[in-house]
Amino acid sequence: MNQSVEIIDVTPRDGIQNEDTILDSDAKLKMIDYAIKAGASRIEVTSFVNPKRVPQMADADAVCARLPENPHCQYIGLALNGRGFERAVAAGLDEVNYVVVASDTFSQRNQATDTYSGIETFNELSNESTGRARVGVTIAAAFGCPFEGEMPLSRLLDVVKGCMQAQPFELAIADTIGVATPTDIRQRIDAIKQLYPDIPLRLHLHNTRNTGIANAWAAVEAGVTALDSSFGGVGGCPFAPRATGNIATEDLVYMLERSGVSTGIDLDIAIEAAEFVETSLQKTIPGMVMKAGKFPLQNTAA
């Protein structure tokens, strides 16, 4: 397979937002530094949310103020509402990733609004932001909702159509609670590409039910050009019960690179970064390549 896939690092945002251990800004900036050194061209550095609801993100503005200048890396801020969107733009980030949840119940829990009101808000904010930052959209719970269950394809496509009115530069589809299988991935990506063949597609996968890596491969085969991941596979959503971690960056890089798919990510540095995350969180984290190492091992004998 002769192609390349962009890996967007989400460790300092999704990777730690649900953790009990509150990390300081220095630790988050160290994670960002690791991502840059590993070769990440885009990093989701924080989310602009209510710190009472997501304490890990209380220092969002402070983190953004200390981001290293790097012409080869784009910084992304996540927003859930108008206030968060304006904070992300004011912070001088390169991109704002706005979230619209495909199910009403989860949307109310996550953003205190129903899905179609969320779409309307996204369209308004996107239209007002011209020239200030690139705006993308993530459709959360695109495969299933923790409260309503299955997400019908017809419902997802209606939400996609609503969001595409704003002409985002990128459309991200999130398996927020990790229920998708490769068949689901192919079906939904194919359906979206039939409607919008030119929109760059990004996939945000959780490995809650151990299908994340298989889903990532199915996404690549289906033509997805960007995948989210976190060092060590950390992550989870505070408002989605039992929605555990992302796919691990180092596991994803290992699979893709050995399959002939270029990622631009240095596996050794990604493993080192995962070890740093594990030490920072003071617990064992899910990543597997960080434990097993690369293969084949380099011959270090004299």
Protein backbone atom coordinates (compact mmCIF):
# COMPACT_ATOMS: atom_id res chain seq x y z
CA MET A 1 0.00 0.00 0.00
CA ASN A 2 1.67 3.18 -1.21
CA GLN A 3 0.03 6.07 0.62
CA SER A 4 0.36 8.36 3.60
CA VAL A 5 -1.87 9.15 6.55
CA GLU A 6 -1.69 12.18 8.81
CA ILE A 7 -1.79 11.42 12.53
CA ILE A 8 -3.24 14.16 14.71
CA ASP A 9 -2.02 13.94 18.29
CA VAL A 10 -4.80 14.51 20.86
CA THR A 11 -2.88 13.54 24.00
CA PRO A 12 -2.98 16.96 25.73
CA ARG A 13 -6.73 17.25 25.13
CA ASP A 14 -8.72 14.03 24.83
CA GLY A 15 -5.86 11.99 26.21
CA ILE A 16 -5.98 13.49 29.69
CA GLN A 17 -9.36 15.23 29.98
CA ASN A 18 -10.96 12.37 31.91
CA GLU A 19 -8.06 11.63 34.25
CA ASP A 20 -8.26 12.00 38.02
CA THR A 21 -4.65 13.14 38.17
CA ILE A 22 -4.62 16.84 37.30
CA LEU A 23 -1.55 17.59 35.22
CA ASP A 24 0.04 21.03 35.26
CA SER A 25 0.76 23.13 32.20
CA ASP A 26 4.40 22.06 32.16
CA ALA A 27 3.43 18.40 31.73
CA LYS A 28 1.01 19.25 28.92
CA LEU A 29 3.61 21.35 27.13
CA LYS A 30 6.08 18.50 27.49
CA MET A 31 3.54 16.21 25.77
CA ILE A 32 3.17 18.78 23.01
CA ASP A 33 6.95 18.99 22.68
CA TYR A 34 7.14 15.21 22.34
CA ALA A 35 4.49 15.29 19.62
CA ILE A 36 6.43 17.93 17.70
CA LYS A 37 9.69 16.01 18.03
CA ALA A 38 7.93 12.84 16.88
CA GLY A 39 6.90 14.63 13.70
CA ALA A 40 3.25 15.54 14.30
CA SER A 41 2.08 18.24 11.89
CA ARG A 42 -1.12 18.92 13.85
CA ILE A 43 -1.79 18.70 17.59
CA GLU A 44 -5.08 19.17 19.44
CA VAL A 45 -3.57 21.05 22.36
CA THR A 46 -6.58 21.76 24.58
CA SER A 47 -10.33 22.32 24.80
CA PHE A 48 -12.07 25.53 25.85
CA VAL A 49 -14.68 24.23 28.26
CA ASN A 50 -16.05 24.98 31.70
CA PRO A 51 -13.24 24.11 34.15
CA LYS A 52 -15.81 23.05 36.75
CA ARG A 53 -16.97 20.31 34.38
CA VAL A 54 -13.55 19.40 32.96
CA PRO A 55 -10.88 20.42 35.52
CA GLN A 56 -8.00 19.10 33.40
CA MET A 57 -8.62 21.86 30.87
CA ALA A 58 -8.69 24.75 33.37
CA ASP A 59 -5.36 26.07 32.09
CA ALA A 60 -6.34 26.11 28.40
CA ASP A 61 -5.45 29.78 27.87
CA ALA A 62 -2.19 29.46 29.79
CA VAL A 63 -1.11 26.44 27.73
CA CYS A 64 -1.88 28.26 24.48
CA ALA A 65 0.10 31.30 25.59
CA ARG A 66 3.19 29.12 25.99
CA LEU A 67 2.97 27.07 22.80
CA PRO A 68 6.30 26.97 20.96
CA GLU A 69 6.41 28.70 17.61
CA ASN A 70 6.76 26.07 14.92
CA PRO A 71 5.97 26.70 11.26
CA HIS A 72 5.70 22.96 10.63
CA CYS A 73 2.98 22.30 13.20
CA GLN A 74 -0.63 23.46 13.41
CA TYR A 75 -2.28 23.84 16.83
CA ILE A 76 -5.93 22.92 17.29
CA GLY A 77 -8.37 23.92 20.03
CA LEU A 78 -11.62 22.07 20.67
CA ALA A 79 -14.83 24.06 21.26
CA LEU A 80 -18.32 22.99 22.31
CA ASN A 81 -20.15 26.33 22.26
CA GLY A 82 -19.88 29.97 21.25
CA ARG A 83 -17.83 31.03 24.25
CA GLY A 84 -15.36 28.20 23.77
CA PHE A 85 -15.12 28.99 20.07
CA GLU A 86 -14.28 32.64 20.71
CA ARG A 87 -11.71 31.68 23.34
CA ALA A 88 -10.02 29.34 20.87
CA VAL A 89 -9.89 32.05 18.21
CA ALA A 90 -8.64 34.64 20.70
CA ALA A 91 -5.89 32.26 21.80
CA GLY A 92 -4.41 32.54 18.33
CA LEU A 93 -4.67 28.86 17.45
CA ASP A 94 -4.40 27.72 13.85
CA GLU A 95 -7.60 25.69 13.92
CA VAL A 96 -10.82 25.40 15.85
CA ASN A 97 -12.40 21.97 15.97
CA TYR A 98 -16.09 22.39 16.81
CA VAL A 99 -18.11 19.45 18.13
CA VAL A 100 -21.65 18.58 17.07
CA VAL A 101 -23.13 15.46 18.70
CA ALA A 102 -25.26 13.24 16.50
CA SER A 103 -27.73 12.27 19.24
CA ASP A 104 -29.90 14.70 21.17
CA THR A 105 -29.49 13.04 24.57
CA PHE A 106 -25.71 12.99 24.48
CA SER A 107 -25.69 16.50 22.99
CA GLN A 108 -27.65 17.75 25.98
CA ARG A 109 -25.24 16.02 28.39
CA ASN A 110 -22.15 17.21 26.53
CA GLN A 111 -23.16 20.71 25.43
CA ALA A 112 -26.55 21.51 26.98
CA THR A 113 -28.23 21.76 23.58
CA ASP A 114 -29.93 19.47 21.07
CA THR A 115 -28.21 18.33 17.88
CA TYR A 116 -29.87 20.68 15.42
CA SER A 117 -29.34 23.70 17.64
CA GLY A 118 -25.70 22.64 17.77
CA ILE A 119 -25.57 22.55 13.97
CA GLU A 120 -27.11 26.02 13.78
CA THR A 121 -24.58 27.40 16.26
CA PHE A 122 -21.70 25.81 14.38
CA ASN A 123 -22.84 27.33 11.09
CA GLU A 124 -23.18 30.79 12.63
CA LEU A 125 -19.78 30.67 14.33
CA SER A 126 -18.06 29.31 11.26
CA ASN A 127 -19.45 32.06 9.06
CA GLU A 128 -18.32 34.70 11.55
CA SER A 129 -14.77 33.36 11.83
CA THR A 130 -13.66 34.00 8.26
CA GLY A 131 -9.99 34.89 8.15
CA ARG A 132 -9.34 34.26 11.84
CA ALA A 133 -8.77 30.49 12.02
CA ARG A 134 -9.47 27.39 10.01
CA VAL A 135 -12.66 25.73 11.22
CA GLY A 136 -13.33 22.02 11.19
CA VAL A 137 -16.15 20.02 12.70
CA THR A 138 -16.26 16.73 14.57
CA ILE A 139 -19.50 14.78 14.64
CA ALA A 140 -19.45 12.92 17.94
CA ALA A 141 -21.32 9.68 18.67
CA ALA A 142 -21.36 9.06 14.92
CA PHE A 143 -21.58 5.29 15.37
CA GLY A 144 -23.49 4.98 18.62
CA CYS A 145 -24.76 6.93 21.62
CA PRO A 146 -24.23 5.87 25.24
CA PHE A 147 -27.84 6.82 26.00
CA GLU A 148 -29.83 6.23 22.79
CA GLY A 149 -27.92 3.24 21.41
CA GLU A 150 -27.42 2.68 17.69
CA MET A 151 -26.88 5.71 15.49
CA PRO A 152 -28.87 5.24 12.26
CA LEU A 153 -26.90 6.04 9.13
CA SER A 154 -29.72 8.28 7.93
CA ARG A 155 -29.47 10.37 11.09
CA LEU A 156 -25.70 10.69 10.75
CA LEU A 157 -25.98 11.82 7.14
CA ASP A 158 -28.60 14.42 8.09
CA VAL A 159 -26.17 15.83 10.66
CA VAL A 160 -23.33 15.77 8.12
CA LYS A 161 -25.46 17.69 5.62
CA GLY A 162 -26.33 20.27 8.26
CA CYS A 163 -22.70 20.81 9.23
CA MET A 164 -21.49 20.95 5.64
CA GLN A 165 -23.55 24.09 5.05
CA ALA A 166 -20.73 25.96 6.79
CA GLN A 167 -18.16 24.50 4.39
CA PRO A 168 -15.66 23.31 7.04
CA PHE A 169 -12.18 22.63 5.71
CA GLU A 170 -12.33 19.15 7.26
CA LEU A 171 -15.00 16.75 8.51
CA ALA A 172 -14.16 14.47 11.42
CA ILE A 173 -16.28 11.47 12.41
CA ALA A 174 -15.91 10.28 16.00
CA ASP A 175 -16.57 6.85 17.45
CA THR A 176 -16.87 8.51 20.85
CA ILE A 177 -17.80 5.38 22.81
CA GLY A 178 -15.84 2.82 20.79
CA VAL A 179 -18.68 0.72 19.38
CA ALA A 180 -17.80 0.68 15.67
CA THR A 181 -16.48 -2.27 13.69
CA PRO A 182 -14.61 -2.18 10.36
CA THR A 183 -17.87 -2.82 8.51
CA ASP A 184 -19.42 0.24 10.17
CA ILE A 185 -16.39 2.33 9.27
CA ARG A 186 -16.47 1.41 5.60
CA GLN A 187 -20.24 1.86 5.33
CA ARG A 188 -20.30 5.34 6.84
CA ILE A 189 -17.19 6.65 5.16
CA ASP A 190 -18.43 5.41 1.77
CA ALA A 191 -21.82 7.05 2.34
CA ILE A 192 -20.24 10.39 3.26
CA LYS A 193 -17.82 10.28 0.32
CA GLN A 194 -20.72 9.71 -2.07
CA LEU A 195 -22.29 12.95 -0.87
CA TYR A 196 -19.08 14.97 -0.42
CA PRO A 197 -16.28 13.36 -2.42
CA ASP A 198 -13.87 16.27 -1.96
CA ILE A 199 -14.10 16.91 1.78
CA PRO A 200 -10.97 15.80 3.71
CA LEU A 201 -12.06 13.15 6.21
CA ARG A 202 -10.62 12.63 9.66
CA LEU A 203 -11.53 9.80 12.03
CA HIS A 204 -11.47 9.91 15.82
CA LEU A 205 -11.51 6.38 17.23
CA HIS A 206 -11.79 5.02 20.73
CA ASN A 207 -10.55 1.55 21.54
CA THR A 208 -13.18 0.85 24.19
CA ARG A 209 -14.07 -2.59 22.78
CA ASN A 210 -10.65 -3.38 21.29
CA THR A 211 -11.66 -2.62 17.70
CA GLY A 212 -9.80 0.68 17.35
CA ILE A 213 -6.78 -0.51 15.36
CA ALA A 214 -8.93 -2.64 13.06
CA ASN A 215 -11.18 0.36 12.52
CA ALA A 216 -8.19 2.57 11.72
CA TRP A 217 -7.07 0.15 9.02
CA ALA A 218 -10.58 0.00 7.57
CA ALA A 219 -10.64 3.81 7.52
CA VAL A 220 -7.36 3.98 5.61
CA GLU A 221 -8.66 1.48 3.08
CA ALA A 222 -11.83 3.57 2.74
CA GLY A 223 -9.84 6.70 1.91
CA VAL A 224 -9.58 8.52 5.24
CA THR A 225 -6.48 10.71 5.21
CA ALA A 226 -6.22 11.73 8.89
CA LEU A 227 -6.51 9.77 12.13
CA ASP A 228 -6.54 10.94 15.75
CA SER A 229 -4.53 9.10 18.38
CA SER A 230 -2.87 9.62 21.74
CA PHE A 231 0.41 8.47 23.20
CA GLY A 232 -0.13 5.27 25.13
CA GLY A 233 -3.80 5.10 24.15
CA VAL A 234 -4.99 7.34 26.98
CA GLY A 235 -8.29 9.16 26.80
CA GLY A 236 -12.00 9.17 27.47
CA CYS A 237 -15.02 11.44 27.62
CA PRO A 238 -16.25 12.84 30.95
CA PHE A 239 -19.85 12.74 29.70
CA ALA A 240 -19.90 9.30 28.08
CA PRO A 241 -19.91 6.42 30.57
CA ARG A 242 -17.15 3.84 30.03
CA ALA A 243 -15.77 5.59 26.93
CA THR A 244 -12.14 4.63 27.42
CA GLY A 245 -9.00 5.57 25.56
CA ASN A 246 -8.03 6.52 22.04
CA ILE A 247 -6.00 4.28 19.80
CA ALA A 248 -2.35 4.49 20.84
CA THR A 249 -0.14 6.57 18.56
CA GLU A 250 2.78 4.18 18.75
CA ASP A 251 0.55 1.14 18.03
CA LEU A 252 -0.99 2.93 15.05
CA VAL A 253 2.39 4.02 13.69
CA TYR A 254 3.77 0.50 14.04
CA MET A 255 0.87 -1.03 12.10
CA LEU A 256 0.79 1.59 9.36
CA GLU A 257 4.52 1.94 8.75
CA ARG A 258 5.08 -1.84 8.59
CA SER A 259 2.20 -1.99 6.12
CA GLY A 260 3.79 0.57 3.83
CA VAL A 261 1.68 3.54 4.90
CA SER A 262 3.75 6.61 5.72
CA THR A 263 2.85 8.60 8.86
CA GLY A 264 5.82 10.92 9.33
CA ILE A 265 5.90 9.92 13.01
CA ASP A 266 9.10 8.67 14.64
CA LEU A 267 8.17 5.47 16.46
CA ASP A 268 11.03 5.65 18.96
CA ILE A 269 10.02 9.13 20.08
CA ALA A 270 6.35 8.09 20.22
CA ILE A 271 7.26 5.24 22.55
CA GLU A 272 9.31 7.60 24.72
CA ALA A 273 6.35 9.99 24.81
CA ALA A 274 3.99 7.20 25.88
CA GLU A 275 6.35 6.32 28.72
CA PHE A 276 6.34 9.97 29.81
CA VAL A 277 2.52 10.00 29.81
CA GLU A 278 2.43 6.83 31.89
CA THR A 279 4.86 8.30 34.41
CA SER A 280 2.91 11.57 34.56
CA LEU A 281 -0.42 9.86 35.17
CA GLN A 282 1.15 7.44 37.67
CA LYS A 283 -0.67 4.41 36.31
CA THR A 284 -0.35 1.71 33.68
CA ILE A 285 -1.76 2.90 30.36
CA PRO A 286 -3.14 0.78 27.49
CA GLY A 287 -0.50 1.14 24.75
CA MET A 288 1.00 -2.18 23.67
CA VAL A 289 3.99 -1.30 21.48
CA MET A 290 5.37 0.82 24.32
CA LYS A 291 5.52 -2.40 26.35
CA ALA A 292 6.57 -4.87 23.65
CA GLY A 293 8.93 -2.65 21.68
CA LYS A 294 9.56 -2.52 17.96
CA PHE A 295 10.12 -5.51 15.69
CA PRO A 296 12.54 -6.55 14.47
CA LEU A 297 14.83 -5.41 17.25
CA GLN A 298 17.97 -3.67 16.13
CA ASN A 299 21.14 -5.70 16.50
CA THR A 300 23.19 -3.79 19.05
CA ALA A 301 25.92 -6.41 19.35
CA ALA A 302 29.45 -5.18 18.73
